[in-house]
Amino acid sequence: MLKLTYLSHSSFLLDDGTHQIVIDPFITGNPNSPVKPSDIKAKFVVLTHAHGDHLGDGLTIAKQNEGLVIAVNELANYAAEQGCITHNMHIGGGWNFPFGRLKFTIAHHGSGSPEGRYMGEPAGVVIKMGGKIVYHAGDTGLFLDMKLIGEIDKIDAFLVPIGDNFTMGIDDALRAVEFVNPALTIPMHYNTFPVIQVDPEQFKAKLAKNEKECKVMNFGESIEL
């Protein structure tokens, strides 16, 4: 069993009943966040890249829970400098953690600290946990190697950005779903800022025409995969 909770923007909480992972916890300054940083008790903090709407409260949450930050090498080094316990990784690499296995994938985007420091390459992440496989694409444009990700692992839940401007828009995200071929698609990274305002129901309706399952999650909503 794996419970997935959408915290808004690109932030999700994964809970297998024993371990909790929070991904890209952008809470403070997020008008859609249903929680406060102190509400998050996850011992594992996964960061796809260092932009403020993804790094967010990740370091605060890790320190308040004596947790572990999992990120690509340069971002993990930055987190360690801020007093966090880290596990340094990089794209294409996987590791077995107490909750299961995690592997970073490519993502076409950027990554810089709030101070403008280079934070390594942006990433997506494939997490095997609670008998399920979740692919969080991070902030990315469409890329053909998504087909390989879907061929290597049977993805149970594909968390895909649809907001356009900074990431894929709806049409490119539809093609991404074709490439990955997941059991369930969940849109993210939309309607937080004016420039990423889109209608997720339009995305869901277009996927339905292709006989693809989609769940538009409310902020704070949980589902079992």
C-alpha atoms as a PDB file:
ATOM      1  CA  MET A   1       0.000   0.000   0.000  1.00  0.00           C
ATOM      2  CA  LEU A   2       1.178   3.493  -0.823  1.00  0.00           C
ATOM      3  CA  LYS A   3      -0.700   6.668   0.085  1.00  0.00           C
ATOM      4  CA  LEU A   4       0.000   9.677  -2.098  1.00  0.00           C
ATOM      5  CA  THR A   5      -0.966  13.184  -0.944  1.00  0.00           C
ATOM      6  CA  TYR A   6      -0.868  16.234  -3.206  1.00  0.00           C
ATOM      7  CA  LEU A   7       0.378  19.236  -1.260  1.00  0.00           C
ATOM      8  CA  SER A   8      -0.038  21.580  -4.289  1.00  0.00           C
ATOM      9  CA  HIS A   9       2.309  22.854  -7.014  1.00  0.00           C
ATOM     10  CA  SER A  10       4.840  20.001  -7.481  1.00  0.00           C
ATOM     11  CA  SER A  11       4.888  18.830  -3.881  1.00  0.00           C
ATOM     12  CA  PHE A  12       3.739  15.358  -2.882  1.00  0.00           C
ATOM     13  CA  LEU A  13       3.900  13.230   0.237  1.00  0.00           C
ATOM     14  CA  LEU A  14       4.380   9.459  -0.091  1.00  0.00           C
ATOM     15  CA  ASP A  15       3.525   7.244   2.893  1.00  0.00           C
ATOM     16  CA  ASP A  16       3.803   3.447   3.012  1.00  0.00           C
ATOM     17  CA  GLY A  17       2.646   3.235   6.626  1.00  0.00           C
ATOM     18  CA  THR A  18       6.207   3.127   7.946  1.00  0.00           C
ATOM     19  CA  HIS A  19       8.150   5.740   5.991  1.00  0.00           C
ATOM     20  CA  GLN A  20       7.225   9.135   4.598  1.00  0.00           C
ATOM     21  CA  ILE A  21       8.858  10.980   1.704  1.00  0.00           C
ATOM     22  CA  VAL A  22       8.113  14.579   0.805  1.00  0.00           C
ATOM     23  CA  ILE A  23       9.036  15.754  -2.694  1.00  0.00           C
ATOM     24  CA  ASP A  24       9.756  19.424  -3.499  1.00  0.00           C
ATOM     25  CA  PRO A  25       7.957  20.873  -0.437  1.00  0.00           C
ATOM     26  CA  PHE A  26       7.155  24.423  -1.565  1.00  0.00           C
ATOM     27  CA  ILE A  27       4.954  25.550   1.328  1.00  0.00           C
ATOM     28  CA  THR A  28       5.977  28.977   2.613  1.00  0.00           C
ATOM     29  CA  GLY A  29       4.919  31.612   0.085  1.00  0.00           C
ATOM     30  CA  ASN A  30       2.727  29.129  -1.792  1.00  0.00           C
ATOM     31  CA  PRO A  31      -0.840  30.486  -1.894  1.00  0.00           C
ATOM     32  CA  ASN A  32      -2.269  27.016  -2.505  1.00  0.00           C
ATOM     33  CA  SER A  33      -0.493  25.087   0.244  1.00  0.00           C
ATOM     34  CA  PRO A  34      -2.921  23.420   2.683  1.00  0.00           C
ATOM     35  CA  VAL A  35      -0.192  22.748   5.271  1.00  0.00           C
ATOM     36  CA  LYS A  36       2.588  24.468   7.217  1.00  0.00           C
ATOM     37  CA  PRO A  37       6.203  23.221   7.207  1.00  0.00           C
ATOM     38  CA  SER A  38       5.773  22.086  10.818  1.00  0.00           C
ATOM     39  CA  ASP A  39       2.941  19.765   9.709  1.00  0.00           C
ATOM     40  CA  ILE A  40       5.316  17.664   7.601  1.00  0.00           C
ATOM     41  CA  LYS A  41       6.932  14.841   9.585  1.00  0.00           C
ATOM     42  CA  ALA A  42       8.664  13.087   6.694  1.00  0.00           C
ATOM     43  CA  LYS A  43      12.140  11.714   7.405  1.00  0.00           C
ATOM     44  CA  PHE A  44      13.087  11.786   3.703  1.00  0.00           C
ATOM     45  CA  VAL A  45      13.115  14.975   1.619  1.00  0.00           C
ATOM     46  CA  VAL A  46      13.577  14.525  -2.137  1.00  0.00           C
ATOM     47  CA  LEU A  47      14.515  17.615  -4.151  1.00  0.00           C
ATOM     48  CA  THR A  48      14.371  17.608  -7.951  1.00  0.00           C
ATOM     49  CA  HIS A  49      16.190  20.938  -8.290  1.00  0.00           C
ATOM     50  CA  ALA A  50      17.021  24.119  -6.398  1.00  0.00           C
ATOM     51  CA  HIS A  51      14.518  26.677  -7.680  1.00  0.00           C
ATOM     52  CA  GLY A  52      12.627  28.308  -4.836  1.00  0.00           C
ATOM     53  CA  ASP A  53       9.305  26.704  -5.730  1.00  0.00           C
ATOM     54  CA  HIS A  54      10.878  23.234  -5.366  1.00  0.00           C
ATOM     55  CA  LEU A  55      13.653  23.596  -2.789  1.00  0.00           C
ATOM     56  CA  GLY A  56      11.024  25.501  -0.829  1.00  0.00           C
ATOM     57  CA  ASP A  57      10.963  24.413   2.815  1.00  0.00           C
ATOM     58  CA  GLY A  58      12.906  21.222   2.133  1.00  0.00           C
ATOM     59  CA  LEU A  59      15.912  22.038   4.281  1.00  0.00           C
ATOM     60  CA  THR A  60      13.755  23.276   7.157  1.00  0.00           C
ATOM     61  CA  ILE A  61      11.651  20.121   7.092  1.00  0.00           C
ATOM     62  CA  ALA A  62      14.722  17.878   6.965  1.00  0.00           C
ATOM     63  CA  LYS A  63      16.328  19.595   9.948  1.00  0.00           C
ATOM     64  CA  GLN A  64      13.178  19.727  12.081  1.00  0.00           C
ATOM     65  CA  ASN A  65      12.678  15.972  11.592  1.00  0.00           C
ATOM     66  CA  GLU A  66      16.356  14.984  11.723  1.00  0.00           C
ATOM     67  CA  GLY A  67      15.687  13.671   8.238  1.00  0.00           C
ATOM     68  CA  LEU A  68      17.661  12.990   5.088  1.00  0.00           C
ATOM     69  CA  VAL A  69      17.856  15.226   2.020  1.00  0.00           C
ATOM     70  CA  ILE A  70      18.172  13.222  -1.212  1.00  0.00           C
ATOM     71  CA  ALA A  71      19.306  15.265  -4.206  1.00  0.00           C
ATOM     72  CA  VAL A  72      21.824  15.478  -7.026  1.00  0.00           C
ATOM     73  CA  ASN A  73      25.369  16.037  -5.851  1.00  0.00           C
ATOM     74  CA  GLU A  74      25.691  19.817  -6.048  1.00  0.00           C
ATOM     75  CA  LEU A  75      22.311  20.479  -4.447  1.00  0.00           C
ATOM     76  CA  ALA A  76      23.015  17.887  -1.750  1.00  0.00           C
ATOM     77  CA  ASN A  77      26.330  19.618  -0.998  1.00  0.00           C
ATOM     78  CA  TYR A  78      24.462  22.911  -0.625  1.00  0.00           C
ATOM     79  CA  ALA A  79      21.982  21.260   1.760  1.00  0.00           C
ATOM     80  CA  ALA A  80      24.865  19.840   3.802  1.00  0.00           C
ATOM     81  CA  GLU A  81      26.394  23.305   4.088  1.00  0.00           C
ATOM     82  CA  GLN A  82      23.069  24.472   5.550  1.00  0.00           C
ATOM     83  CA  GLY A  83      23.281  21.810   8.254  1.00  0.00           C
ATOM     84  CA  CYS A  84      21.305  18.955   6.686  1.00  0.00           C
ATOM     85  CA  ILE A  85      22.097  15.264   6.573  1.00  0.00           C
ATOM     86  CA  THR A  86      22.290  14.325   2.904  1.00  0.00           C
ATOM     87  CA  HIS A  87      22.566  11.482   0.465  1.00  0.00           C
ATOM     88  CA  ASN A  88      24.324  12.702  -2.681  1.00  0.00           C
ATOM     89  CA  MET A  89      23.227  11.180  -5.982  1.00  0.00           C
ATOM     90  CA  HIS A  90      23.147  12.050  -9.649  1.00  0.00           C
ATOM     91  CA  ILE A  91      21.158  11.439 -12.797  1.00  0.00           C
ATOM     92  CA  GLY A  92      20.974   7.805 -13.843  1.00  0.00           C
ATOM     93  CA  GLY A  93      22.023   6.609 -10.401  1.00  0.00           C
ATOM     94  CA  GLY A  94      19.814   4.646  -8.028  1.00  0.00           C
ATOM     95  CA  TRP A  95      20.059   3.677  -4.364  1.00  0.00           C
ATOM     96  CA  ASN A  96      18.220   1.397  -1.951  1.00  0.00           C
ATOM     97  CA  PHE A  97      16.843   3.318   1.018  1.00  0.00           C
ATOM     98  CA  PRO A  98      14.792   2.049   3.989  1.00  0.00           C
ATOM     99  CA  PHE A  99      11.587   2.983   2.107  1.00  0.00           C
ATOM    100  CA  GLY A 100      12.615   1.321  -1.186  1.00  0.00           C
ATOM    101  CA  ARG A 101      14.600   2.300  -4.261  1.00  0.00           C
ATOM    102  CA  LEU A 102      15.051   5.763  -5.745  1.00  0.00           C
ATOM    103  CA  LYS A 103      16.582   6.723  -9.077  1.00  0.00           C
ATOM    104  CA  PHE A 104      17.097  10.154 -10.618  1.00  0.00           C
ATOM    105  CA  THR A 105      16.252  10.754 -14.270  1.00  0.00           C
ATOM    106  CA  ILE A 106      17.027  13.592 -16.639  1.00  0.00           C
ATOM    107  CA  ALA A 107      14.810  16.687 -16.808  1.00  0.00           C
ATOM    108  CA  HIS A 108      15.147  19.579 -19.233  1.00  0.00           C
ATOM    109  CA  HIS A 109      15.112  22.685 -17.071  1.00  0.00           C
ATOM    110  CA  GLY A 110      17.604  24.616 -14.898  1.00  0.00           C
ATOM    111  CA  SER A 111      18.739  24.654 -11.287  1.00  0.00           C
ATOM    112  CA  GLY A 112      20.202  27.473  -9.214  1.00  0.00           C
ATOM    113  CA  SER A 113      20.198  28.389  -5.533  1.00  0.00           C
ATOM    114  CA  PRO A 114      18.402  31.495  -4.237  1.00  0.00           C
ATOM    115  CA  GLU A 115      21.825  33.184  -4.316  1.00  0.00           C
ATOM    116  CA  GLY A 116      22.342  32.277  -7.966  1.00  0.00           C
ATOM    117  CA  ARG A 117      24.811  29.456  -7.342  1.00  0.00           C
ATOM    118  CA  TYR A 118      24.919  26.529  -9.775  1.00  0.00           C
ATOM    119  CA  MET A 119      23.130  23.580  -8.183  1.00  0.00           C
ATOM    120  CA  GLY A 120      23.848  20.813 -10.666  1.00  0.00           C
ATOM    121  CA  GLU A 121      21.434  19.385 -13.202  1.00  0.00           C
ATOM    122  CA  PRO A 122      17.665  19.363 -12.664  1.00  0.00           C
ATOM    123  CA  ALA A 123      16.130  15.926 -12.336  1.00  0.00           C
ATOM    124  CA  GLY A 124      13.050  13.788 -12.291  1.00  0.00           C
ATOM    125  CA  VAL A 125      12.796  10.882  -9.887  1.00  0.00           C
ATOM    126  CA  VAL A 126      11.474   7.310  -9.984  1.00  0.00           C
ATOM    127  CA  ILE A 127      10.556   5.975  -6.548  1.00  0.00           C
ATOM    128  CA  LYS A 128       9.771   2.328  -5.783  1.00  0.00           C
ATOM    129  CA  MET A 129       7.921   2.237  -2.470  1.00  0.00           C
ATOM    130  CA  GLY A 130       5.099   0.276  -0.895  1.00  0.00           C
ATOM    131  CA  GLY A 131       4.928  -2.072  -3.868  1.00  0.00           C
ATOM    132  CA  LYS A 132       4.297   0.807  -6.281  1.00  0.00           C
ATOM    133  CA  ILE A 133       6.390   2.847  -8.715  1.00  0.00           C
ATOM    134  CA  VAL A 134       5.953   6.624  -8.887  1.00  0.00           C
ATOM    135  CA  TYR A 135       7.619   8.808 -11.513  1.00  0.00           C
ATOM    136  CA  HIS A 136       7.793  12.502 -10.575  1.00  0.00           C
ATOM    137  CA  ALA A 137       9.007  14.252 -13.721  1.00  0.00           C
ATOM    138  CA  GLY A 138      10.225  17.395 -11.958  1.00  0.00           C
ATOM    139  CA  ASP A 139      10.202  20.610 -13.941  1.00  0.00           C
ATOM    140  CA  THR A 140      10.830  19.562 -17.518  1.00  0.00           C
ATOM    141  CA  GLY A 141      10.066  19.939 -21.152  1.00  0.00           C
ATOM    142  CA  LEU A 142       9.109  16.930 -23.219  1.00  0.00           C
ATOM    143  CA  PHE A 143      11.905  14.505 -24.066  1.00  0.00           C
ATOM    144  CA  LEU A 144      11.923  11.265 -26.010  1.00  0.00           C
ATOM    145  CA  ASP A 145      13.759   9.274 -23.326  1.00  0.00           C
ATOM    146  CA  MET A 146      10.539   9.285 -21.297  1.00  0.00           C
ATOM    147  CA  LYS A 147       9.709   6.256 -23.429  1.00  0.00           C
ATOM    148  CA  LEU A 148      12.704   4.448 -21.908  1.00  0.00           C
ATOM    149  CA  ILE A 149      11.597   5.336 -18.385  1.00  0.00           C
ATOM    150  CA  GLY A 150       8.203   3.779 -19.113  1.00  0.00           C
ATOM    151  CA  GLU A 151       9.786   0.722 -20.706  1.00  0.00           C
ATOM    152  CA  ILE A 152      12.241   0.075 -17.869  1.00  0.00           C
ATOM    153  CA  ASP A 153       9.575   0.304 -15.145  1.00  0.00           C
ATOM    154  CA  LYS A 154       5.815  -0.104 -15.206  1.00  0.00           C
ATOM    155  CA  ILE A 155       4.839   3.252 -13.743  1.00  0.00           C
ATOM    156  CA  ASP A 156       1.846   3.192 -11.394  1.00  0.00           C
ATOM    157  CA  ALA A 157       1.587   6.986 -11.022  1.00  0.00           C
ATOM    158  CA  PHE A 158       3.073   9.611 -13.336  1.00  0.00           C
ATOM    159  CA  LEU A 159       3.278  13.086 -11.785  1.00  0.00           C
ATOM    160  CA  VAL A 160       3.618  15.435 -14.750  1.00  0.00           C
ATOM    161  CA  PRO A 161       3.825  19.232 -15.085  1.00  0.00           C
ATOM    162  CA  ILE A 162       1.193  20.842 -17.317  1.00  0.00           C
ATOM    163  CA  GLY A 163       1.416  24.570 -16.534  1.00  0.00           C
ATOM    164  CA  ASP A 164       3.397  25.632 -19.629  1.00  0.00           C
ATOM    165  CA  ASN A 165       5.810  28.620 -19.727  1.00  0.00           C
ATOM    166  CA  PHE A 166       8.410  27.033 -17.380  1.00  0.00           C
ATOM    167  CA  THR A 167       7.604  23.392 -18.185  1.00  0.00           C
ATOM    168  CA  MET A 168       5.532  21.300 -20.549  1.00  0.00           C
ATOM    169  CA  GLY A 169       2.067  22.561 -21.351  1.00  0.00           C
ATOM    170  CA  ILE A 170      -0.979  20.364 -21.788  1.00  0.00           C
ATOM    171  CA  ASP A 171      -0.254  19.194 -25.338  1.00  0.00           C
ATOM    172  CA  ASP A 172       3.336  18.169 -24.624  1.00  0.00           C
ATOM    173  CA  ALA A 173       2.245  16.532 -21.358  1.00  0.00           C
ATOM    174  CA  LEU A 174      -0.233  14.437 -23.349  1.00  0.00           C
ATOM    175  CA  ARG A 175       2.636  13.165 -25.467  1.00  0.00           C
ATOM    176  CA  ALA A 176       4.643  12.489 -22.312  1.00  0.00           C
ATOM    177  CA  VAL A 177       1.826  10.257 -21.045  1.00  0.00           C
ATOM    178  CA  GLU A 178       1.926   8.354 -24.334  1.00  0.00           C
ATOM    179  CA  PHE A 179       5.664   7.829 -23.866  1.00  0.00           C
ATOM    180  CA  VAL A 180       5.511   6.727 -20.209  1.00  0.00           C
ATOM    181  CA  ASN A 181       2.220   4.777 -20.468  1.00  0.00           C
ATOM    182  CA  PRO A 182       1.445   4.861 -16.724  1.00  0.00           C
ATOM    183  CA  ALA A 183      -1.502   3.280 -14.961  1.00  0.00           C
ATOM    184  CA  LEU A 184      -2.463   6.706 -13.587  1.00  0.00           C
ATOM    185  CA  THR A 185      -1.472  10.262 -14.476  1.00  0.00           C
ATOM    186  CA  ILE A 186      -1.650  13.148 -12.010  1.00  0.00           C
ATOM    187  CA  PRO A 187      -1.051  16.706 -13.285  1.00  0.00           C
ATOM    188  CA  MET A 188       1.059  19.159 -11.278  1.00  0.00           C
ATOM    189  CA  HIS A 189       2.877  22.504 -11.532  1.00  0.00           C
ATOM    190  CA  TYR A 190      -0.097  24.600 -12.572  1.00  0.00           C
ATOM    191  CA  ASN A 191      -2.209  27.520 -11.235  1.00  0.00           C
ATOM    192  CA  THR A 192       0.292  28.598  -8.570  1.00  0.00           C
ATOM    193  CA  PHE A 193       1.380  31.713 -10.496  1.00  0.00           C
ATOM    194  CA  PRO A 194      -0.403  33.753 -13.191  1.00  0.00           C
ATOM    195  CA  VAL A 195       1.891  32.513 -15.974  1.00  0.00           C
ATOM    196  CA  ILE A 196       1.070  28.849 -15.315  1.00  0.00           C
ATOM    197  CA  GLN A 197      -2.717  29.116 -15.238  1.00  0.00           C
ATOM    198  CA  VAL A 198      -4.277  26.190 -17.112  1.00  0.00           C
ATOM    199  CA  ASP A 199      -7.355  24.012 -16.737  1.00  0.00           C
ATOM    200  CA  PRO A 200      -6.367  20.531 -15.509  1.00  0.00           C
ATOM    201  CA  GLU A 201      -9.816  19.221 -16.398  1.00  0.00           C
ATOM    202  CA  GLN A 202      -9.018  19.962 -20.041  1.00  0.00           C
ATOM    203  CA  PHE A 203      -5.913  17.799 -19.691  1.00  0.00           C
ATOM    204  CA  LYS A 204      -7.964  15.031 -18.071  1.00  0.00           C
ATOM    205  CA  ALA A 205     -10.607  15.178 -20.808  1.00  0.00           C
ATOM    206  CA  LYS A 206      -8.012  14.906 -23.565  1.00  0.00           C
ATOM    207  CA  LEU A 207      -6.418  11.912 -21.832  1.00  0.00           C
ATOM    208  CA  ALA A 208      -9.840  10.276 -21.531  1.00  0.00           C
ATOM    209  CA  LYS A 209     -10.202  10.420 -25.306  1.00  0.00           C
ATOM    210  CA  ASN A 210      -6.992   8.392 -25.474  1.00  0.00           C
ATOM    211  CA  GLU A 211      -8.357   5.978 -22.843  1.00  0.00           C
ATOM    212  CA  LYS A 212      -5.783   7.080 -20.296  1.00  0.00           C
ATOM    213  CA  GLU A 213      -6.617   7.279 -16.595  1.00  0.00           C
ATOM    214  CA  CYS A 214      -6.107  10.696 -14.977  1.00  0.00           C
ATOM    215  CA  LYS A 215      -6.772  12.015 -11.487  1.00  0.00           C
ATOM    216  CA  VAL A 216      -6.914  15.784 -10.885  1.00  0.00           C
ATOM    217  CA  MET A 217      -6.129  15.994  -7.186  1.00  0.00           C
ATOM    218  CA  ASN A 218      -7.295  18.720  -4.855  1.00  0.00           C
ATOM    219  CA  PHE A 219      -4.707  20.418  -2.665  1.00  0.00           C
ATOM    220  CA  GLY A 220      -4.258  18.260   0.425  1.00  0.00           C
ATOM    221  CA  GLU A 221      -6.108  15.296  -1.110  1.00  0.00           C
ATOM    222  CA  SER A 222      -4.801  11.761  -0.580  1.00  0.00           C
ATOM    223  CA  ILE A 223      -5.291   8.622  -2.630  1.00  0.00           C
ATOM    224  CA  GLU A 224      -4.099   5.038  -2.301  1.00  0.00           C
ATOM    225  CA  LEU A 225      -2.205   3.626  -5.261  1.00  0.00           C
END
